[in-house]
Amino acid sequence: MTASDASAKPAIFFGLRLALWYATLFVVGAIAIVFLTYYLTAASLAQRDQQIIQSKLGEYAVVYTRGGVRGLTATV
């Protein structure tokens, strides 16, 4: 083993450790982005569903007020 071989090994291990850190940070960041996107999409869809349900309930309430059970049955 020569002096140049001995000094090359720490440089290789440093490069490997640095690459592993970058890979780890990339994977953790990608997973965080996926979970954040999933959460925001799920929340948005739930809010939209609630708006649609409230709209339909309001529509059915108006129909029931005007036509009673028969009008509601005809609408549904």
C-alpha atoms as a PDB file:
ATOM      1  CA  MET A   1       0.000   0.000   0.000  1.00  0.00           C
ATOM      2  CA  THR A   2       1.443   3.329  -0.995  1.00  0.00           C
ATOM      3  CA  ALA A   3       0.821   6.764   0.419  1.00  0.00           C
ATOM      4  CA  SER A   4      -1.461   7.703  -2.504  1.00  0.00           C
ATOM      5  CA  ASP A   5      -3.635   4.599  -1.897  1.00  0.00           C
ATOM      6  CA  ALA A   6      -4.007   5.472   1.777  1.00  0.00           C
ATOM      7  CA  SER A   7      -5.126   9.029   0.999  1.00  0.00           C
ATOM      8  CA  ALA A   8      -7.546   7.887  -1.731  1.00  0.00           C
ATOM      9  CA  LYS A   9      -9.613   5.657   0.578  1.00  0.00           C
ATOM     10  CA  PRO A  10     -10.879   8.456   2.864  1.00  0.00           C
ATOM     11  CA  ALA A  11     -11.825  10.491  -0.211  1.00  0.00           C
ATOM     12  CA  ILE A  12     -13.791   7.574  -1.650  1.00  0.00           C
ATOM     13  CA  PHE A  13     -15.603   6.979   1.642  1.00  0.00           C
ATOM     14  CA  PHE A  14     -16.347  10.685   1.991  1.00  0.00           C
ATOM     15  CA  GLY A  15     -17.806  10.745  -1.527  1.00  0.00           C
ATOM     16  CA  LEU A  16     -19.867   7.659  -0.803  1.00  0.00           C
ATOM     17  CA  ARG A  17     -21.208   9.094   2.443  1.00  0.00           C
ATOM     18  CA  LEU A  18     -22.026  12.376   0.725  1.00  0.00           C
ATOM     19  CA  ALA A  19     -23.868  10.555  -2.070  1.00  0.00           C
ATOM     20  CA  LEU A  20     -25.821   8.507   0.475  1.00  0.00           C
ATOM     21  CA  TRP A  21     -26.829  11.673   2.334  1.00  0.00           C
ATOM     22  CA  TYR A  22     -28.044  13.271  -0.891  1.00  0.00           C
ATOM     23  CA  ALA A  23     -29.948  10.112  -1.834  1.00  0.00           C
ATOM     24  CA  THR A  24     -31.521   9.916   1.624  1.00  0.00           C
ATOM     25  CA  LEU A  25     -32.575  13.559   1.549  1.00  0.00           C
ATOM     26  CA  PHE A  26     -34.013  13.128  -1.939  1.00  0.00           C
ATOM     27  CA  VAL A  27     -36.048  10.059  -0.953  1.00  0.00           C
ATOM     28  CA  VAL A  28     -37.321  11.670   2.264  1.00  0.00           C
ATOM     29  CA  GLY A  29     -38.246  14.838   0.373  1.00  0.00           C
ATOM     30  CA  ALA A  30     -40.028  12.896  -2.353  1.00  0.00           C
ATOM     31  CA  ILE A  31     -42.010  10.900   0.216  1.00  0.00           C
ATOM     32  CA  ALA A  32     -42.944  14.110   2.052  1.00  0.00           C
ATOM     33  CA  ILE A  33     -44.178  15.685  -1.197  1.00  0.00           C
ATOM     34  CA  VAL A  34     -46.265  12.600  -2.021  1.00  0.00           C
ATOM     35  CA  PHE A  35     -47.888  12.559   1.436  1.00  0.00           C
ATOM     36  CA  LEU A  36     -48.550  16.315   1.326  1.00  0.00           C
ATOM     37  CA  THR A  37     -50.110  16.023  -2.126  1.00  0.00           C
ATOM     38  CA  TYR A  38     -52.261  13.095  -0.974  1.00  0.00           C
ATOM     39  CA  TYR A  39     -53.448  14.992   2.109  1.00  0.00           C
ATOM     40  CA  LEU A  40     -54.285  18.161   0.170  1.00  0.00           C
ATOM     41  CA  THR A  41     -56.115  16.217  -2.548  1.00  0.00           C
ATOM     42  CA  ALA A  42     -58.117  14.219  -0.005  1.00  0.00           C
ATOM     43  CA  ALA A  43     -59.063  17.380   1.893  1.00  0.00           C
ATOM     44  CA  SER A  44     -60.085  19.150  -1.310  1.00  0.00           C
ATOM     45  CA  LEU A  45     -62.250  16.244  -2.449  1.00  0.00           C
ATOM     46  CA  ALA A  46     -63.890  15.953   0.967  1.00  0.00           C
ATOM     47  CA  GLN A  47     -64.700  19.667   0.936  1.00  0.00           C
ATOM     48  CA  ARG A  48     -66.142  19.402  -2.577  1.00  0.00           C
ATOM     49  CA  ASP A  49     -68.269  16.414  -1.560  1.00  0.00           C
ATOM     50  CA  GLN A  50     -69.608  18.361   1.426  1.00  0.00           C
ATOM     51  CA  GLN A  51     -70.532  21.282  -0.830  1.00  0.00           C
ATOM     52  CA  ILE A  52     -72.391  18.985  -3.232  1.00  0.00           C
ATOM     53  CA  ILE A  53     -74.253  17.279  -0.382  1.00  0.00           C
ATOM     54  CA  GLN A  54     -75.239  20.624   1.164  1.00  0.00           C
ATOM     55  CA  SER A  55     -76.453  21.859  -2.211  1.00  0.00           C
ATOM     56  CA  LYS A  56     -78.582  18.765  -2.778  1.00  0.00           C
ATOM     57  CA  LEU A  57     -80.017  18.948   0.745  1.00  0.00           C
ATOM     58  CA  GLY A  58     -80.962  22.577   0.169  1.00  0.00           C
ATOM     59  CA  GLU A  59     -82.600  21.679  -3.124  1.00  0.00           C
ATOM     60  CA  TYR A  60     -84.546  18.821  -1.521  1.00  0.00           C
ATOM     61  CA  ALA A  61     -85.625  21.075   1.364  1.00  0.00           C
ATOM     62  CA  VAL A  62     -87.083  23.588  -1.093  1.00  0.00           C
ATOM     63  CA  VAL A  63     -88.879  20.844  -3.018  1.00  0.00           C
ATOM     64  CA  TYR A  64     -90.278  19.391   0.231  1.00  0.00           C
ATOM     65  CA  THR A  65     -91.460  22.821   1.343  1.00  0.00           C
ATOM     66  CA  ARG A  66     -93.269  23.412  -1.953  1.00  0.00           C
ATOM     67  CA  GLY A  67     -94.635  19.946  -2.742  1.00  0.00           C
ATOM     68  CA  GLY A  68     -94.442  17.881   0.416  1.00  0.00           C
ATOM     69  CA  VAL A  69     -93.557  14.231   0.372  1.00  0.00           C
ATOM     70  CA  ARG A  70     -95.015  13.673  -3.105  1.00  0.00           C
ATOM     71  CA  GLY A  71     -92.935  16.430  -4.620  1.00  0.00           C
ATOM     72  CA  LEU A  72     -89.830  15.160  -2.872  1.00  0.00           C
ATOM     73  CA  THR A  73     -90.509  11.608  -4.072  1.00  0.00           C
ATOM     74  CA  ALA A  74     -90.933  12.837  -7.639  1.00  0.00           C
ATOM     75  CA  THR A  75     -87.676  14.801  -7.439  1.00  0.00           C
ATOM     76  CA  VAL A  76     -85.636  11.994  -5.929  1.00  0.00           C
END
